[in-house]
Every structure is written in structure tokens, then in C-alpha cells.
Amino acid sequence: MHRFKSFSTAKYLIGVKQHNWQPFHGKLWQRNYYEHIIRNEDEMNNIRDYITNNPLQWTVDEYNPEKGSQC
């Protein structure tokens, strides 16, 4: 993944300098996030399910500041 980030960042900088792409002020890549290469259809479906169902868990999440006031 590191090579992909380096390659795409270099290409972006060339685009900014040579092709008048809009510059981005800040970091192009988020640090310390979870990277995962999807290798098959089952993994893709599991990730789709997570994306669909995870927001539904917010009401019971320990980090939800409104959790205690919903009782």
C-alpha cells in the first residue's frame, strides 16, 4: 500500500504543477487508518454488510454521547 500512496501522490503533484490541477492544502493520505485489500467476493460482501449495518449500531455504541439520554 505504501508504494501506491507514494506513486499516486507523485502523480498528483505532477498534475498540480504541469496540468493546473487544484492544489490540496493538507495531507493527501490519512495516517493510521485501517487498510485492507479486498481479495475475493466474500470479503467484498462482508465489507458491504459492515458499511450498511454499522451505522445502525450507533444508538448502542459506548462512544455515542446521546446513548445515556435515550432511556
N, C-alpha and C. Protein backbone atom coordinates (compact mmCIF):
# COMPACT_ATOMS: atom_id res chain seq x y z
N MET A 1 0.83 -1.18 0.00
CA MET A 1 0.00 0.00 0.00
C MET A 1 0.88 1.25 0.00
N HIS A 2 2.02 1.18 0.65
CA HIS A 2 2.90 2.34 0.71
C HIS A 2 3.31 2.79 -0.69
N ARG A 3 3.63 1.83 -1.56
CA ARG A 3 4.03 2.19 -2.93
C ARG A 3 2.89 2.87 -3.67
N PHE A 4 1.67 2.39 -3.47
CA PHE A 4 0.52 3.02 -4.12
C PHE A 4 0.37 4.47 -3.66
N LYS A 5 0.49 4.70 -2.36
CA LYS A 5 0.37 6.05 -1.83
C LYS A 5 1.46 6.96 -2.40
N SER A 6 2.68 6.47 -2.43
CA SER A 6 3.80 7.26 -2.95
C SER A 6 3.60 7.57 -4.43
N PHE A 7 3.23 6.56 -5.19
CA PHE A 7 3.03 6.72 -6.63
C PHE A 7 1.90 7.71 -6.92
N SER A 8 0.77 7.53 -6.27
CA SER A 8 -0.37 8.40 -6.55
C SER A 8 -0.12 9.83 -6.08
N THR A 9 0.60 10.00 -4.98
CA THR A 9 0.95 11.35 -4.52
C THR A 9 1.87 12.03 -5.51
N ALA A 10 2.86 11.30 -6.02
CA ALA A 10 3.78 11.87 -7.01
C ALA A 10 3.03 12.28 -8.27
N LYS A 11 2.13 11.43 -8.74
CA LYS A 11 1.34 11.75 -9.94
C LYS A 11 0.45 12.97 -9.70
N TYR A 12 -0.12 13.05 -8.52
CA TYR A 12 -0.96 14.21 -8.18
C TYR A 12 -0.13 15.49 -8.21
N LEU A 13 1.06 15.47 -7.63
CA LEU A 13 1.91 16.66 -7.61
C LEU A 13 2.31 17.08 -9.02
N ILE A 14 2.56 16.11 -9.89
CA ILE A 14 2.85 16.43 -11.30
C ILE A 14 1.63 17.10 -11.93
N GLY A 15 0.45 16.57 -11.65
CA GLY A 15 -0.77 17.16 -12.18
C GLY A 15 -0.97 18.59 -11.72
N VAL A 16 -0.66 18.86 -10.46
CA VAL A 16 -0.79 20.21 -9.92
C VAL A 16 0.18 21.15 -10.63
N LYS A 17 1.43 20.71 -10.78
CA LYS A 17 2.47 21.57 -11.35
C LYS A 17 2.36 21.73 -12.86
N GLN A 18 2.01 20.67 -13.56
CA GLN A 18 2.07 20.70 -15.02
C GLN A 18 0.71 20.83 -15.71
N HIS A 19 -0.36 20.49 -15.01
CA HIS A 19 -1.67 20.46 -15.66
C HIS A 19 -2.71 21.33 -14.95
N ASN A 20 -2.23 22.20 -14.07
CA ASN A 20 -3.10 23.14 -13.36
C ASN A 20 -4.21 22.48 -12.55
N TRP A 21 -3.91 21.29 -12.01
CA TRP A 21 -4.88 20.68 -11.10
C TRP A 21 -4.97 21.55 -9.85
N GLN A 22 -6.11 21.54 -9.22
CA GLN A 22 -6.29 22.32 -8.00
C GLN A 22 -5.42 21.73 -6.88
N PRO A 23 -4.58 22.55 -6.25
CA PRO A 23 -3.76 22.03 -5.15
C PRO A 23 -4.61 21.72 -3.92
N PHE A 24 -4.17 20.74 -3.19
CA PHE A 24 -4.82 20.35 -1.94
C PHE A 24 -3.90 20.74 -0.80
N HIS A 25 -4.38 21.58 0.08
CA HIS A 25 -3.56 22.05 1.20
C HIS A 25 -3.84 21.18 2.41
N GLY A 26 -2.89 20.38 2.74
CA GLY A 26 -3.04 19.45 3.85
C GLY A 26 -2.47 18.10 3.46
N LYS A 27 -2.87 17.09 4.14
CA LYS A 27 -2.40 15.73 3.87
C LYS A 27 -3.29 15.07 2.83
N LEU A 28 -2.66 14.37 1.89
CA LEU A 28 -3.44 13.62 0.91
C LEU A 28 -3.93 12.30 1.49
N TRP A 29 -3.16 11.74 2.40
CA TRP A 29 -3.49 10.44 2.97
C TRP A 29 -3.67 10.55 4.47
N GLN A 30 -4.69 9.92 4.97
CA GLN A 30 -4.96 9.89 6.41
C GLN A 30 -3.98 8.92 7.07
N ARG A 31 -3.39 9.33 8.18
CA ARG A 31 -2.48 8.46 8.91
C ARG A 31 -3.26 7.50 9.80
N ASN A 32 -2.68 6.35 10.02
CA ASN A 32 -3.19 5.38 10.99
C ASN A 32 -4.63 4.92 10.72
N TYR A 33 -4.97 4.76 9.50
CA TYR A 33 -6.28 4.20 9.22
C TYR A 33 -6.12 2.74 8.80
N TYR A 34 -7.20 2.02 8.82
CA TYR A 34 -7.17 0.60 8.52
C TYR A 34 -7.16 0.39 7.01
N GLU A 35 -6.13 -0.24 6.50
CA GLU A 35 -6.02 -0.55 5.08
C GLU A 35 -6.32 -2.02 4.87
N HIS A 36 -7.04 -2.31 3.82
CA HIS A 36 -7.34 -3.71 3.53
C HIS A 36 -7.52 -3.86 2.03
N ILE A 37 -6.84 -4.81 1.45
CA ILE A 37 -7.01 -5.12 0.03
C ILE A 37 -8.07 -6.21 -0.06
N ILE A 38 -9.11 -5.95 -0.81
CA ILE A 38 -10.20 -6.91 -0.98
C ILE A 38 -9.75 -7.95 -2.00
N ARG A 39 -9.73 -9.19 -1.57
CA ARG A 39 -9.16 -10.25 -2.41
C ARG A 39 -10.18 -11.17 -3.07
N ASN A 40 -11.43 -11.13 -2.61
CA ASN A 40 -12.42 -12.00 -3.24
C ASN A 40 -13.83 -11.47 -2.97
N GLU A 41 -14.79 -12.11 -3.58
CA GLU A 41 -16.19 -11.67 -3.50
C GLU A 41 -16.73 -11.76 -2.07
N ASP A 42 -16.34 -12.80 -1.32
CA ASP A 42 -16.81 -12.93 0.06
C ASP A 42 -16.35 -11.76 0.92
N GLU A 43 -15.07 -11.37 0.77
CA GLU A 43 -14.57 -10.21 1.52
C GLU A 43 -15.33 -8.95 1.13
N MET A 44 -15.59 -8.80 -0.17
CA MET A 44 -16.33 -7.63 -0.64
C MET A 44 -17.73 -7.59 -0.02
N ASN A 45 -18.39 -8.72 0.02
CA ASN A 45 -19.73 -8.77 0.60
C ASN A 45 -19.72 -8.48 2.10
N ASN A 46 -18.71 -8.98 2.81
CA ASN A 46 -18.59 -8.70 4.24
C ASN A 46 -18.40 -7.21 4.49
N ILE A 47 -17.60 -6.57 3.67
CA ILE A 47 -17.36 -5.13 3.82
C ILE A 47 -18.63 -4.35 3.48
N ARG A 48 -19.33 -4.77 2.46
CA ARG A 48 -20.61 -4.12 2.12
C ARG A 48 -21.59 -4.22 3.29
N ASP A 49 -21.68 -5.41 3.87
CA ASP A 49 -22.57 -5.59 5.02
C ASP A 49 -22.17 -4.68 6.18
N TYR A 50 -20.87 -4.59 6.44
CA TYR A 50 -20.38 -3.73 7.52
C TYR A 50 -20.77 -2.27 7.26
N ILE A 51 -20.56 -1.80 6.04
CA ILE A 51 -20.88 -0.41 5.71
C ILE A 51 -22.37 -0.16 5.86
N THR A 52 -23.18 -1.12 5.47
CA THR A 52 -24.63 -0.97 5.56
C THR A 52 -25.11 -1.02 7.00
N ASN A 53 -24.60 -1.97 7.78
CA ASN A 53 -25.14 -2.22 9.12
C ASN A 53 -24.48 -1.45 10.25
N ASN A 54 -23.25 -1.02 10.07
CA ASN A 54 -22.54 -0.37 11.17
C ASN A 54 -23.24 0.89 11.69
N PRO A 55 -23.75 1.77 10.83
CA PRO A 55 -24.43 2.96 11.38
C PRO A 55 -25.63 2.62 12.27
N LEU A 56 -26.23 1.47 12.05
CA LEU A 56 -27.37 1.06 12.87
C LEU A 56 -26.95 0.78 14.31
N GLN A 57 -25.67 0.52 14.54
CA GLN A 57 -25.17 0.21 15.87
C GLN A 57 -24.87 1.46 16.70
N TRP A 58 -24.96 2.65 16.09
CA TRP A 58 -24.59 3.88 16.77
C TRP A 58 -25.42 4.13 18.03
N THR A 59 -26.66 3.75 18.02
CA THR A 59 -27.51 4.02 19.18
C THR A 59 -27.05 3.27 20.43
N VAL A 60 -26.32 2.17 20.26
CA VAL A 60 -25.83 1.42 21.41
C VAL A 60 -24.31 1.53 21.58
N ASP A 61 -23.67 2.36 20.79
CA ASP A 61 -22.22 2.50 20.85
C ASP A 61 -21.79 3.23 22.12
N GLU A 62 -20.75 2.74 22.77
CA GLU A 62 -20.29 3.36 24.02
C GLU A 62 -19.77 4.77 23.82
N TYR A 63 -19.40 5.15 22.59
CA TYR A 63 -18.87 6.49 22.33
C TYR A 63 -19.95 7.46 21.86
N ASN A 64 -21.18 7.01 21.77
CA ASN A 64 -22.28 7.88 21.38
C ASN A 64 -22.66 8.75 22.58
N PRO A 65 -22.47 10.07 22.48
CA PRO A 65 -22.77 10.94 23.62
C PRO A 65 -24.25 11.00 23.97
N GLU A 66 -25.11 10.61 23.04
CA GLU A 66 -26.55 10.65 23.31
C GLU A 66 -27.09 9.31 23.83
N LYS A 67 -26.24 8.32 23.94
CA LYS A 67 -26.67 6.99 24.36
C LYS A 67 -27.38 7.01 25.71
N GLY A 68 -26.83 7.69 26.68
CA GLY A 68 -27.40 7.71 28.01
C GLY A 68 -28.73 8.45 28.09
N SER A 69 -28.98 9.39 27.18
CA SER A 69 -30.20 10.19 27.26
C SER A 69 -31.37 9.56 26.52
N GLN A 70 -31.17 8.38 25.91
CA GLN A 70 -32.24 7.77 25.14
C GLN A 70 -33.11 6.84 25.97
N CYS A 71 -32.79 6.64 27.21
CA CYS A 71 -33.56 5.72 28.05
C CYS A 71 -34.82 6.37 28.56
